[in-house]
Amino acid sequence: MSGPNPKTVPLGPAKDDKKKSGGSVLNRLKARRTPGGEGGPEHKRITPVTEQELRALDSLRPEHVLGLGRVTENYLCKPEDNIYNIDFTRFKIRDLETGTVLFEIFTPAFLRLRTVGATVEFTVGDKPVNNFRMIERHYFRDHVLKSFDFDFGFCIPNSRNTCEHIYEFPQLAEDLVRLMIENPYETRSDSFYFVDNKLIMHNKADYAYNGGQ
């Protein structure tokens, strides 16, 4: 896996330093969804768009990135757009069915997991963060595998926060699993972060599932 490096981190408030660990400590977050796999009013008014069309806009909202049909080649915002100084500091992935912690090397068995928890710790600067939200879209080549949509809610200024995202993975066809294993780093993702429905951060990652082979 390329991109975020999983590290162990406990759930709950951090014990150290000057960051507050009070009202904005979060726990398990399930993606908003409907039986069809997507949720929220934006999903009902999605218009397909290209990366080039989005780059021409002054600001981006959740419904804009939900219309993308393929992974982006470039970042859709600048580092200075993160005016809230949100910084992700720790990351851990585990299989929720067995409790096994998954590290940097992913094996083919990862693609057959159904529910995975990703624990993240992040700090917030001196501005309050309203309606903090992440939309994460996973692709293999030009095919959308899954779109996840998480609400962090409100985060108080100068706080350190921890939450666990619950990823419910779709069952993949065996032919697709084989292609994803045989073609490392062609599985990619975009993670878009919004505050008050305005894009402030954009992270990208690519993945290899041939570990141990």
N, C-alpha and C. Protein backbone atom coordinates (compact mmCIF):
# COMPACT_ATOMS: atom_id res chain seq x y z
N MET A 1 0.85 -1.20 0.00
CA MET A 1 0.00 0.00 0.00
C MET A 1 0.88 1.23 0.00
N SER A 2 0.55 2.19 -0.81
CA SER A 2 1.24 3.46 -0.82
C SER A 2 0.27 4.51 -0.35
N GLY A 3 0.76 5.56 0.29
CA GLY A 3 -0.12 6.57 0.84
C GLY A 3 -0.01 6.55 2.35
N PRO A 4 -1.16 6.55 3.09
CA PRO A 4 -1.06 6.56 4.54
C PRO A 4 -0.41 5.29 5.06
N ASN A 5 0.48 5.43 6.05
CA ASN A 5 1.16 4.28 6.63
C ASN A 5 0.47 3.92 7.93
N PRO A 6 -0.15 2.73 8.03
CA PRO A 6 -0.85 2.36 9.25
C PRO A 6 0.09 2.25 10.45
N LYS A 7 -0.32 2.85 11.58
CA LYS A 7 0.40 2.74 12.83
C LYS A 7 -0.62 2.50 13.93
N THR A 8 -0.23 1.87 15.01
CA THR A 8 -1.14 1.58 16.10
C THR A 8 -1.46 2.86 16.86
N VAL A 9 -2.73 3.03 17.21
CA VAL A 9 -3.16 4.19 17.99
C VAL A 9 -4.39 3.78 18.80
N PRO A 10 -4.45 4.10 20.10
CA PRO A 10 -5.61 3.74 20.90
C PRO A 10 -6.80 4.61 20.56
N LEU A 11 -7.99 4.06 20.75
CA LEU A 11 -9.20 4.87 20.64
C LEU A 11 -9.30 5.79 21.84
N GLY A 12 -9.92 6.95 21.63
CA GLY A 12 -10.17 7.85 22.74
C GLY A 12 -9.18 8.99 22.77
N PRO A 13 -9.29 9.85 23.77
CA PRO A 13 -8.45 11.05 23.80
C PRO A 13 -6.99 10.72 24.03
N ALA A 14 -6.12 11.51 23.39
CA ALA A 14 -4.69 11.37 23.66
C ALA A 14 -4.38 11.94 25.03
N LYS A 15 -3.37 11.38 25.70
CA LYS A 15 -3.09 11.78 27.08
C LYS A 15 -2.12 12.96 27.16
N ASP A 16 -1.41 13.22 26.07
CA ASP A 16 -0.29 14.15 26.19
C ASP A 16 -0.67 15.56 25.77
N ASP A 17 0.28 16.42 25.77
CA ASP A 17 0.44 17.73 25.17
C ASP A 17 -0.65 18.72 25.43
N LYS A 18 -0.61 19.80 24.64
CA LYS A 18 -1.44 20.96 24.91
C LYS A 18 -2.78 20.90 24.21
N LYS A 19 -2.98 19.94 23.35
CA LYS A 19 -4.25 19.86 22.64
C LYS A 19 -5.34 19.36 23.56
N LYS A 20 -6.51 19.97 23.47
CA LYS A 20 -7.65 19.53 24.26
C LYS A 20 -8.14 18.19 23.74
N SER A 21 -8.65 17.37 24.64
CA SER A 21 -9.18 16.08 24.22
C SER A 21 -10.63 15.93 24.64
N GLY A 22 -11.32 17.03 24.74
CA GLY A 22 -12.65 17.02 25.30
C GLY A 22 -13.75 16.76 24.30
N GLY A 23 -14.62 17.77 24.05
CA GLY A 23 -15.88 17.56 23.37
C GLY A 23 -15.79 17.06 21.96
N SER A 24 -14.64 17.16 21.31
CA SER A 24 -14.60 16.74 19.91
C SER A 24 -13.93 15.39 19.71
N VAL A 25 -13.76 14.62 20.78
CA VAL A 25 -13.26 13.26 20.61
C VAL A 25 -14.38 12.42 20.01
N LEU A 26 -14.08 11.70 18.96
CA LEU A 26 -15.09 10.95 18.23
C LEU A 26 -14.81 9.47 18.36
N ASN A 27 -15.82 8.66 18.07
CA ASN A 27 -15.61 7.23 18.13
C ASN A 27 -15.97 6.63 16.79
N ARG A 28 -16.55 5.46 16.76
CA ARG A 28 -16.77 4.77 15.50
C ARG A 28 -17.74 5.53 14.59
N LEU A 29 -17.35 5.68 13.34
CA LEU A 29 -18.17 6.37 12.36
C LEU A 29 -18.47 5.43 11.21
N LYS A 30 -19.75 5.18 10.97
CA LYS A 30 -20.14 4.41 9.80
C LYS A 30 -20.43 5.36 8.65
N ALA A 31 -20.10 4.93 7.46
CA ALA A 31 -20.37 5.75 6.29
C ALA A 31 -21.87 5.94 6.13
N ARG A 32 -22.27 7.16 5.78
CA ARG A 32 -23.67 7.38 5.45
C ARG A 32 -23.99 6.62 4.17
N ARG A 33 -25.11 5.93 4.16
CA ARG A 33 -25.43 5.16 2.97
C ARG A 33 -26.91 4.80 2.97
N THR A 34 -27.39 4.44 1.81
CA THR A 34 -28.73 3.92 1.63
C THR A 34 -28.59 2.49 1.16
N PRO A 35 -29.68 1.70 1.05
CA PRO A 35 -29.53 0.34 0.55
C PRO A 35 -28.84 0.26 -0.80
N GLY A 36 -28.89 1.33 -1.59
CA GLY A 36 -28.23 1.33 -2.88
C GLY A 36 -26.75 1.60 -2.81
N GLY A 37 -26.26 1.91 -1.59
CA GLY A 37 -24.82 2.07 -1.44
C GLY A 37 -24.37 3.49 -1.27
N GLU A 38 -25.24 4.46 -1.50
CA GLU A 38 -24.86 5.85 -1.33
C GLU A 38 -25.90 6.52 -0.46
N GLY A 39 -25.55 7.66 0.11
CA GLY A 39 -26.50 8.33 0.98
C GLY A 39 -26.37 9.83 0.88
N GLY A 40 -27.33 10.54 1.52
CA GLY A 40 -27.29 11.98 1.51
C GLY A 40 -27.95 12.55 0.27
N PRO A 41 -28.49 13.76 0.41
CA PRO A 41 -29.21 14.36 -0.73
C PRO A 41 -28.34 14.62 -1.94
N GLU A 42 -27.00 14.85 -1.72
CA GLU A 42 -26.14 15.13 -2.86
C GLU A 42 -26.12 13.96 -3.85
N HIS A 43 -26.22 12.74 -3.32
CA HIS A 43 -26.12 11.55 -4.17
C HIS A 43 -27.29 11.46 -5.15
N LYS A 44 -28.37 12.18 -4.85
CA LYS A 44 -29.55 12.09 -5.71
C LYS A 44 -29.52 13.14 -6.81
N ARG A 45 -28.56 14.07 -6.73
CA ARG A 45 -28.49 15.10 -7.76
C ARG A 45 -27.08 15.19 -8.36
N ILE A 46 -26.42 14.05 -8.44
CA ILE A 46 -25.06 14.01 -8.96
C ILE A 46 -25.08 14.16 -10.47
N THR A 47 -24.22 15.04 -10.96
CA THR A 47 -23.99 15.20 -12.38
C THR A 47 -22.58 14.74 -12.69
N PRO A 48 -22.39 13.82 -13.61
CA PRO A 48 -21.02 13.39 -13.95
C PRO A 48 -20.16 14.58 -14.37
N VAL A 49 -18.94 14.64 -13.85
CA VAL A 49 -18.03 15.73 -14.17
C VAL A 49 -16.64 15.16 -14.39
N THR A 50 -15.80 15.97 -15.00
CA THR A 50 -14.41 15.59 -15.20
C THR A 50 -13.53 16.41 -14.25
N GLU A 51 -12.32 15.93 -14.05
CA GLU A 51 -11.37 16.67 -13.22
C GLU A 51 -11.12 18.06 -13.79
N GLN A 52 -11.03 18.16 -15.10
CA GLN A 52 -10.77 19.46 -15.73
C GLN A 52 -11.90 20.45 -15.44
N GLU A 53 -13.14 19.97 -15.46
CA GLU A 53 -14.28 20.85 -15.15
C GLU A 53 -14.23 21.33 -13.70
N LEU A 54 -13.84 20.45 -12.80
CA LEU A 54 -13.78 20.85 -11.40
C LEU A 54 -12.66 21.84 -11.14
N ARG A 55 -11.55 21.68 -11.84
CA ARG A 55 -10.43 22.58 -11.62
C ARG A 55 -10.74 24.01 -12.07
N ALA A 56 -11.76 24.17 -12.88
CA ALA A 56 -12.16 25.50 -13.34
C ALA A 56 -13.06 26.22 -12.34
N LEU A 57 -13.52 25.53 -11.31
CA LEU A 57 -14.43 26.13 -10.32
C LEU A 57 -13.64 26.83 -9.22
N ASP A 58 -14.25 27.86 -8.63
CA ASP A 58 -13.59 28.60 -7.56
C ASP A 58 -13.52 27.80 -6.26
N SER A 59 -14.56 27.04 -5.96
CA SER A 59 -14.57 26.20 -4.77
C SER A 59 -15.38 24.94 -5.07
N LEU A 60 -15.07 23.87 -4.34
CA LEU A 60 -15.70 22.59 -4.61
C LEU A 60 -16.53 22.14 -3.42
N ARG A 61 -17.68 21.55 -3.72
CA ARG A 61 -18.59 21.02 -2.73
C ARG A 61 -18.65 19.49 -2.84
N PRO A 62 -19.25 18.83 -1.86
CA PRO A 62 -19.31 17.36 -1.92
C PRO A 62 -19.94 16.82 -3.19
N GLU A 63 -21.02 17.45 -3.66
CA GLU A 63 -21.69 16.92 -4.85
C GLU A 63 -20.81 17.00 -6.09
N HIS A 64 -19.82 17.90 -6.07
CA HIS A 64 -18.91 17.99 -7.22
C HIS A 64 -18.03 16.75 -7.32
N VAL A 65 -17.37 16.38 -6.22
CA VAL A 65 -16.43 15.25 -6.30
C VAL A 65 -17.17 13.92 -6.44
N LEU A 66 -18.43 13.87 -5.97
CA LEU A 66 -19.21 12.64 -6.13
C LEU A 66 -19.53 12.34 -7.58
N GLY A 67 -19.38 13.34 -8.45
CA GLY A 67 -19.64 13.14 -9.86
C GLY A 67 -18.45 12.64 -10.65
N LEU A 68 -17.29 12.52 -10.01
CA LEU A 68 -16.10 12.04 -10.71
C LEU A 68 -16.23 10.57 -11.05
N GLY A 69 -15.86 10.20 -12.26
CA GLY A 69 -15.94 8.82 -12.70
C GLY A 69 -14.62 8.09 -12.69
N ARG A 70 -13.54 8.79 -12.37
CA ARG A 70 -12.22 8.17 -12.33
C ARG A 70 -11.36 8.93 -11.33
N VAL A 71 -10.26 8.31 -10.92
CA VAL A 71 -9.38 8.93 -9.95
C VAL A 71 -8.76 10.19 -10.55
N THR A 72 -8.49 11.18 -9.70
CA THR A 72 -7.88 12.42 -10.19
C THR A 72 -6.39 12.21 -10.45
N GLU A 73 -5.87 12.99 -11.36
CA GLU A 73 -4.43 12.97 -11.65
C GLU A 73 -3.69 14.03 -10.84
N ASN A 74 -4.40 15.07 -10.41
CA ASN A 74 -3.80 16.16 -9.67
C ASN A 74 -4.66 16.48 -8.45
N TYR A 75 -4.10 17.30 -7.57
CA TYR A 75 -4.84 17.71 -6.38
C TYR A 75 -5.82 18.83 -6.74
N LEU A 76 -6.99 18.78 -6.10
CA LEU A 76 -8.05 19.73 -6.43
C LEU A 76 -8.09 20.92 -5.46
N CYS A 77 -7.15 20.98 -4.52
CA CYS A 77 -7.04 22.17 -3.68
C CYS A 77 -5.58 22.32 -3.28
N LYS A 78 -5.28 23.44 -2.66
CA LYS A 78 -3.90 23.76 -2.29
C LYS A 78 -3.71 23.55 -0.79
N PRO A 79 -2.47 23.31 -0.34
CA PRO A 79 -2.23 23.16 1.09
C PRO A 79 -2.73 24.34 1.92
N GLU A 80 -2.63 25.54 1.36
CA GLU A 80 -3.06 26.73 2.11
C GLU A 80 -4.58 26.82 2.25
N ASP A 81 -5.34 25.97 1.54
CA ASP A 81 -6.79 25.94 1.72
C ASP A 81 -7.18 25.35 3.07
N ASN A 82 -6.26 24.64 3.70
CA ASN A 82 -6.53 24.06 5.02
C ASN A 82 -6.32 25.14 6.08
N ILE A 83 -7.24 26.09 6.12
CA ILE A 83 -7.12 27.23 7.04
C ILE A 83 -7.39 26.82 8.49
N TYR A 84 -7.86 25.60 8.69
CA TYR A 84 -8.16 25.11 10.04
C TYR A 84 -6.97 24.35 10.65
N ASN A 85 -5.90 24.23 9.89
CA ASN A 85 -4.70 23.52 10.35
C ASN A 85 -5.02 22.13 10.88
N ILE A 86 -5.85 21.42 10.14
CA ILE A 86 -6.16 20.03 10.48
C ILE A 86 -4.97 19.17 10.04
N ASP A 87 -4.49 18.34 10.96
CA ASP A 87 -3.31 17.53 10.68
C ASP A 87 -3.57 16.11 11.18
N PHE A 88 -3.51 15.13 10.26
CA PHE A 88 -3.68 13.73 10.63
C PHE A 88 -2.33 13.20 11.10
N THR A 89 -2.32 12.66 12.32
CA THR A 89 -1.05 12.32 12.96
C THR A 89 -0.82 10.83 13.14
N ARG A 90 -1.88 10.02 13.22
CA ARG A 90 -1.72 8.57 13.41
C ARG A 90 -2.81 7.83 12.65
N PHE A 91 -2.50 6.56 12.33
CA PHE A 91 -3.39 5.78 11.48
C PHE A 91 -3.22 4.30 11.78
N LYS A 92 -4.33 3.57 11.89
CA LYS A 92 -4.28 2.12 12.12
C LYS A 92 -5.45 1.47 11.40
N ILE A 93 -5.20 0.31 10.79
CA ILE A 93 -6.25 -0.46 10.12
C ILE A 93 -6.36 -1.82 10.80
N ARG A 94 -7.61 -2.28 11.02
CA ARG A 94 -7.80 -3.60 11.59
C ARG A 94 -9.01 -4.27 10.95
N ASP A 95 -8.96 -5.59 10.92
CA ASP A 95 -10.09 -6.40 10.49
C ASP A 95 -11.06 -6.48 11.66
N LEU A 96 -12.28 -5.95 11.50
CA LEU A 96 -13.21 -5.90 12.62
C LEU A 96 -13.73 -7.28 13.02
N GLU A 97 -13.73 -8.23 12.10
CA GLU A 97 -14.24 -9.56 12.43
C GLU A 97 -13.28 -10.34 13.31
N THR A 98 -11.97 -10.14 13.12
CA THR A 98 -10.98 -10.90 13.89
C THR A 98 -10.20 -10.03 14.87
N GLY A 99 -10.25 -8.71 14.68
CA GLY A 99 -9.47 -7.81 15.51
C GLY A 99 -8.02 -7.71 15.10
N THR A 100 -7.63 -8.38 14.03
CA THR A 100 -6.24 -8.38 13.58
C THR A 100 -5.85 -7.00 13.05
N VAL A 101 -4.72 -6.47 13.54
CA VAL A 101 -4.20 -5.20 13.04
C VAL A 101 -3.46 -5.44 11.75
N LEU A 102 -3.77 -4.64 10.74
CA LEU A 102 -3.17 -4.79 9.41
C LEU A 102 -2.13 -3.70 9.22
N PHE A 103 -0.94 -4.10 8.81
CA PHE A 103 0.15 -3.15 8.70
C PHE A 103 0.36 -2.71 7.25
N GLU A 104 1.56 -2.21 6.94
CA GLU A 104 1.78 -1.58 5.65
C GLU A 104 1.67 -2.54 4.47
N ILE A 105 1.98 -3.81 4.67
CA ILE A 105 1.98 -4.77 3.58
C ILE A 105 0.62 -5.47 3.53
N PHE A 106 -0.10 -5.29 2.43
CA PHE A 106 -1.41 -5.91 2.28
C PHE A 106 -1.27 -7.17 1.42
N THR A 107 -1.88 -8.24 1.86
CA THR A 107 -1.87 -9.50 1.13
C THR A 107 -3.15 -9.61 0.31
N PRO A 108 -3.23 -10.58 -0.60
CA PRO A 108 -4.47 -10.76 -1.36
C PRO A 108 -5.70 -10.98 -0.48
N ALA A 109 -5.51 -11.52 0.72
CA ALA A 109 -6.65 -11.77 1.62
C ALA A 109 -7.37 -10.49 1.99
N PHE A 110 -6.69 -9.34 1.94
CA PHE A 110 -7.33 -8.07 2.29
C PHE A 110 -8.54 -7.81 1.40
N LEU A 111 -8.46 -8.21 0.15
CA LEU A 111 -9.53 -7.93 -0.81
C LEU A 111 -10.79 -8.75 -0.52
N ARG A 112 -10.69 -9.71 0.36
CA ARG A 112 -11.85 -10.55 0.69
C ARG A 112 -12.43 -10.20 2.06
N LEU A 113 -11.86 -9.20 2.73
CA LEU A 113 -12.42 -8.75 4.00
C LEU A 113 -13.72 -8.01 3.74
N ARG A 114 -14.64 -8.11 4.67
CA ARG A 114 -15.95 -7.46 4.50
C ARG A 114 -16.06 -6.17 5.30
N THR A 115 -15.47 -6.12 6.51
CA THR A 115 -15.58 -4.94 7.36
C THR A 115 -14.22 -4.63 7.96
N VAL A 116 -13.75 -3.40 7.74
CA VAL A 116 -12.44 -2.97 8.21
C VAL A 116 -12.60 -1.67 8.98
N GLY A 117 -11.89 -1.55 10.10
CA GLY A 117 -11.88 -0.31 10.86
C GLY A 117 -10.58 0.43 10.66
N ALA A 118 -10.67 1.71 10.34
CA ALA A 118 -9.48 2.56 10.18
C ALA A 118 -9.53 3.64 11.25
N THR A 119 -8.62 3.55 12.20
CA THR A 119 -8.57 4.52 13.29
C THR A 119 -7.61 5.64 12.91
N VAL A 120 -8.08 6.87 13.04
CA VAL A 120 -7.24 8.02 12.73
C VAL A 120 -7.23 8.97 13.92
N GLU A 121 -6.10 9.62 14.10
CA GLU A 121 -5.98 10.68 15.09
C GLU A 121 -5.59 11.95 14.36
N PHE A 122 -6.25 13.05 14.71
CA PHE A 122 -5.95 14.31 14.04
C PHE A 122 -6.07 15.47 15.02
N THR A 123 -5.34 16.52 14.72
CA THR A 123 -5.38 17.73 15.54
C THR A 123 -6.01 18.87 14.74
N VAL A 124 -6.55 19.82 15.47
CA VAL A 124 -7.23 20.98 14.89
C VAL A 124 -6.55 22.23 15.41
N GLY A 125 -6.43 23.25 14.56
CA GLY A 125 -5.82 24.52 14.96
C GLY A 125 -6.74 25.36 15.81
N ASP A 126 -6.58 26.68 15.73
CA ASP A 126 -7.31 27.56 16.65
C ASP A 126 -8.65 28.04 16.14
N LYS A 127 -9.14 27.45 15.06
CA LYS A 127 -10.47 27.78 14.55
C LYS A 127 -11.42 26.61 14.81
N PRO A 128 -12.69 26.87 15.16
CA PRO A 128 -13.66 25.77 15.26
C PRO A 128 -13.94 25.17 13.89
N VAL A 129 -14.16 23.88 13.85
CA VAL A 129 -14.40 23.18 12.60
C VAL A 129 -15.84 22.66 12.59
N ASN A 130 -16.66 23.22 11.71
CA ASN A 130 -18.06 22.85 11.61
C ASN A 130 -18.29 21.89 10.45
N ASN A 131 -19.07 20.86 10.69
CA ASN A 131 -19.48 19.94 9.62
C ASN A 131 -18.27 19.38 8.87
N PHE A 132 -17.33 18.83 9.62
CA PHE A 132 -16.14 18.22 9.03
C PHE A 132 -16.55 16.88 8.41
N ARG A 133 -16.20 16.70 7.17
CA ARG A 133 -16.69 15.54 6.41
C ARG A 133 -15.62 15.03 5.46
N MET A 134 -15.57 13.71 5.30
CA MET A 134 -14.63 13.11 4.35
C MET A 134 -15.39 12.26 3.34
N ILE A 135 -15.07 12.43 2.08
CA ILE A 135 -15.57 11.55 1.01
C ILE A 135 -14.36 10.86 0.41
N GLU A 136 -14.37 9.54 0.46
CA GLU A 136 -13.23 8.75 -0.02
C GLU A 136 -13.72 7.83 -1.14
N ARG A 137 -13.10 7.95 -2.30
CA ARG A 137 -13.53 7.18 -3.47
C ARG A 137 -12.38 6.29 -3.94
N HIS A 138 -12.69 5.00 -4.09
CA HIS A 138 -11.70 4.00 -4.48
C HIS A 138 -11.96 3.52 -5.91
N TYR A 139 -10.89 3.38 -6.67
CA TYR A 139 -10.98 3.02 -8.08
C TYR A 139 -9.98 1.91 -8.40
N PHE A 140 -10.36 1.07 -9.34
CA PHE A 140 -9.38 0.22 -10.02
C PHE A 140 -9.41 0.62 -11.49
N ARG A 141 -8.28 1.14 -11.94
CA ARG A 141 -8.24 1.71 -13.29
C ARG A 141 -9.34 2.77 -13.40
N ASP A 142 -10.25 2.67 -14.35
CA ASP A 142 -11.30 3.67 -14.51
C ASP A 142 -12.64 3.20 -13.96
N HIS A 143 -12.59 2.23 -13.05
CA HIS A 143 -13.82 1.68 -12.49
C HIS A 143 -13.94 2.08 -11.02
N VAL A 144 -15.10 2.67 -10.64
CA VAL A 144 -15.33 3.03 -9.24
C VAL A 144 -15.64 1.76 -8.45
N LEU A 145 -14.81 1.46 -7.45
CA LEU A 145 -15.06 0.30 -6.60
C LEU A 145 -16.05 0.62 -5.50
N LYS A 146 -15.87 1.76 -4.84
CA LYS A 146 -16.72 2.11 -3.72
C LYS A 146 -16.48 3.56 -3.35
N SER A 147 -17.54 4.24 -2.91
CA SER A 147 -17.44 5.60 -2.39
C SER A 147 -17.88 5.58 -0.93
N PHE A 148 -17.02 6.08 -0.03
CA PHE A 148 -17.33 6.15 1.39
C PHE A 148 -17.53 7.61 1.78
N ASP A 149 -18.44 7.85 2.71
CA ASP A 149 -18.82 9.22 3.06
C ASP A 149 -18.99 9.27 4.58
N PHE A 150 -18.08 9.98 5.28
CA PHE A 150 -18.08 10.01 6.74
C PHE A 150 -18.26 11.43 7.25
N ASP A 151 -19.08 11.58 8.27
CA ASP A 151 -19.25 12.86 8.96
C ASP A 151 -18.48 12.84 10.27
N PHE A 152 -17.51 13.75 10.42
CA PHE A 152 -16.82 13.91 11.70
C PHE A 152 -17.63 14.79 12.64
N GLY A 153 -18.44 15.68 12.08
CA GLY A 153 -19.22 16.60 12.91
C GLY A 153 -18.41 17.83 13.27
N PHE A 154 -18.62 18.32 14.51
CA PHE A 154 -17.96 19.53 14.99
C PHE A 154 -16.71 19.18 15.79
N CYS A 155 -15.64 19.94 15.56
CA CYS A 155 -14.40 19.75 16.32
C CYS A 155 -14.02 21.08 16.97
N ILE A 156 -13.75 21.05 18.26
CA ILE A 156 -13.42 22.28 18.97
C ILE A 156 -12.01 22.73 18.62
N PRO A 157 -11.73 24.02 18.75
CA PRO A 157 -10.37 24.51 18.44
C PRO A 157 -9.32 23.88 19.34
N ASN A 158 -8.11 23.75 18.81
CA ASN A 158 -6.95 23.26 19.55
C ASN A 158 -7.22 21.91 20.21
N SER A 159 -7.87 21.03 19.48
CA SER A 159 -8.22 19.72 20.03
C SER A 159 -7.46 18.62 19.30
N ARG A 160 -7.32 17.49 20.00
CA ARG A 160 -6.79 16.27 19.42
C ARG A 160 -7.94 15.26 19.43
N ASN A 161 -8.23 14.67 18.27
CA ASN A 161 -9.42 13.85 18.11
C ASN A 161 -9.06 12.48 17.56
N THR A 162 -9.80 11.47 17.97
CA THR A 162 -9.59 10.11 17.49
C THR A 162 -10.93 9.50 17.09
N CYS A 163 -10.97 8.85 15.95
CA CYS A 163 -12.18 8.17 15.53
C CYS A 163 -11.81 6.94 14.71
N GLU A 164 -12.74 6.03 14.61
CA GLU A 164 -12.54 4.84 13.80
C GLU A 164 -13.61 4.81 12.71
N HIS A 165 -13.17 4.89 11.46
CA HIS A 165 -14.08 4.75 10.33
C HIS A 165 -14.37 3.28 10.08
N ILE A 166 -15.62 2.95 9.90
CA ILE A 166 -16.01 1.58 9.62
C ILE A 166 -16.26 1.44 8.12
N TYR A 167 -15.40 0.68 7.45
CA TYR A 167 -15.51 0.46 6.01
C TYR A 167 -16.21 -0.87 5.76
N GLU A 168 -17.33 -0.83 5.10
CA GLU A 168 -18.04 -2.04 4.71
C GLU A 168 -17.78 -2.26 3.22
N PHE A 169 -16.92 -3.22 2.92
CA PHE A 169 -16.46 -3.42 1.55
C PHE A 169 -17.46 -4.25 0.75
N PRO A 170 -17.61 -3.93 -0.52
CA PRO A 170 -18.46 -4.77 -1.38
C PRO A 170 -17.75 -6.10 -1.69
N GLN A 171 -18.53 -7.10 -2.01
CA GLN A 171 -17.93 -8.36 -2.44
C GLN A 171 -17.49 -8.22 -3.88
N LEU A 172 -16.22 -8.46 -4.13
CA LEU A 172 -15.65 -8.28 -5.46
C LEU A 172 -15.65 -9.59 -6.22
N ALA A 173 -15.89 -9.50 -7.52
CA ALA A 173 -15.81 -10.69 -8.37
C ALA A 173 -14.38 -11.22 -8.38
N GLU A 174 -14.25 -12.53 -8.45
CA GLU A 174 -12.92 -13.13 -8.40
C GLU A 174 -12.03 -12.68 -9.55
N ASP A 175 -12.60 -12.45 -10.72
CA ASP A 175 -11.80 -11.97 -11.85
C ASP A 175 -11.23 -10.59 -11.55
N LEU A 176 -12.03 -9.74 -10.89
CA LEU A 176 -11.56 -8.41 -10.54
C LEU A 176 -10.49 -8.49 -9.45
N VAL A 177 -10.69 -9.33 -8.46
CA VAL A 177 -9.68 -9.53 -7.41
C VAL A 177 -8.34 -9.94 -8.02
N ARG A 178 -8.39 -10.88 -8.95
CA ARG A 178 -7.16 -11.35 -9.58
C ARG A 178 -6.46 -10.20 -10.30
N LEU A 179 -7.20 -9.38 -11.02
CA LEU A 179 -6.59 -8.26 -11.74
C LEU A 179 -5.98 -7.24 -10.77
N MET A 180 -6.65 -7.01 -9.65
CA MET A 180 -6.13 -6.05 -8.67
C MET A 180 -4.85 -6.55 -8.04
N ILE A 181 -4.75 -7.87 -7.83
CA ILE A 181 -3.53 -8.45 -7.26
C ILE A 181 -2.39 -8.41 -8.28
N GLU A 182 -2.72 -8.72 -9.53
CA GLU A 182 -1.69 -8.80 -10.58
C GLU A 182 -1.22 -7.43 -11.05
N ASN A 183 -1.94 -6.37 -10.70
CA ASN A 183 -1.60 -5.03 -11.18
C ASN A 183 -1.47 -4.08 -9.99
N PRO A 184 -0.37 -4.19 -9.23
CA PRO A 184 -0.20 -3.33 -8.05
C PRO A 184 -0.17 -1.86 -8.43
N TYR A 185 -0.72 -1.06 -7.55
CA TYR A 185 -0.76 0.40 -7.66
C TYR A 185 -1.68 0.91 -8.75
N GLU A 186 -2.48 0.02 -9.36
CA GLU A 186 -3.54 0.49 -10.25
C GLU A 186 -4.85 0.63 -9.50
N THR A 187 -4.88 0.23 -8.24
CA THR A 187 -5.99 0.53 -7.34
C THR A 187 -5.63 1.80 -6.60
N ARG A 188 -6.47 2.82 -6.73
CA ARG A 188 -6.11 4.14 -6.22
C ARG A 188 -7.32 4.77 -5.53
N SER A 189 -7.04 5.80 -4.75
CA SER A 189 -8.14 6.47 -4.05
C SER A 189 -7.90 7.96 -3.97
N ASP A 190 -9.00 8.68 -3.88
CA ASP A 190 -9.02 10.11 -3.56
C ASP A 190 -9.77 10.28 -2.24
N SER A 191 -9.20 11.04 -1.33
CA SER A 191 -9.88 11.39 -0.08
C SER A 191 -10.06 12.90 -0.06
N PHE A 192 -11.32 13.32 -0.01
CA PHE A 192 -11.66 14.75 -0.03
C PHE A 192 -12.21 15.14 1.34
N TYR A 193 -11.72 16.24 1.90
CA TYR A 193 -12.14 16.70 3.22
C TYR A 193 -12.80 18.07 3.10
N PHE A 194 -13.97 18.18 3.71
CA PHE A 194 -14.78 19.39 3.61
C PHE A 194 -15.07 19.95 5.00
N VAL A 195 -15.11 21.27 5.09
CA VAL A 195 -15.64 21.96 6.26
C VAL A 195 -16.72 22.90 5.77
N ASP A 196 -17.91 22.77 6.36
CA ASP A 196 -19.06 23.55 5.89
C ASP A 196 -19.24 23.43 4.38
N ASN A 197 -19.07 22.22 3.87
CA ASN A 197 -19.29 21.89 2.46
C ASN A 197 -18.32 22.56 1.50
N LYS A 198 -17.16 22.98 1.99
CA LYS A 198 -16.13 23.53 1.12
C LYS A 198 -14.88 22.67 1.22
N LEU A 199 -14.31 22.28 0.08
CA LEU A 199 -13.13 21.43 0.06
C LEU A 199 -11.93 22.17 0.64
N ILE A 200 -11.28 21.53 1.64
CA ILE A 200 -10.10 22.16 2.26
C ILE A 200 -8.86 21.26 2.18
N MET A 201 -9.04 19.95 1.96
CA MET A 201 -7.92 19.03 1.88
C MET A 201 -8.23 17.94 0.87
N HIS A 202 -7.18 17.44 0.22
CA HIS A 202 -7.32 16.36 -0.76
C HIS A 202 -6.08 15.48 -0.65
N ASN A 203 -6.31 14.22 -0.28
CA ASN A 203 -5.22 13.25 -0.20
C ASN A 203 -5.40 12.16 -1.26
N LYS A 204 -4.29 11.62 -1.72
CA LYS A 204 -4.32 10.58 -2.75
C LYS A 204 -3.48 9.39 -2.27
N ALA A 205 -3.88 8.19 -2.68
CA ALA A 205 -3.12 6.99 -2.33
C ALA A 205 -3.26 5.96 -3.43
N ASP A 206 -2.28 5.06 -3.51
CA ASP A 206 -2.42 3.89 -4.39
C ASP A 206 -2.03 2.66 -3.59
N TYR A 207 -2.47 1.49 -4.07
CA TYR A 207 -2.45 0.29 -3.25
C TYR A 207 -1.89 -0.90 -4.02
N ALA A 208 -1.22 -1.76 -3.29
CA ALA A 208 -0.76 -3.04 -3.83
C ALA A 208 -1.23 -4.14 -2.89
N TYR A 209 -1.78 -5.20 -3.47
CA TYR A 209 -2.33 -6.30 -2.67
C TYR A 209 -1.58 -7.61 -2.92
N ASN A 210 -0.33 -7.49 -3.33
CA ASN A 210 0.46 -8.69 -3.63
C ASN A 210 1.50 -8.95 -2.56
N GLY A 211 1.31 -8.42 -1.36
CA GLY A 211 2.24 -8.66 -0.27
C GLY A 211 2.32 -10.14 0.09
N GLY A 212 3.50 -10.62 0.40
CA GLY A 212 3.69 -12.00 0.77
C GLY A 212 3.82 -12.97 -0.39
N GLN A 213 3.78 -12.43 -1.62
CA GLN A 213 3.89 -13.30 -2.80
C GLN A 213 5.31 -13.27 -3.35
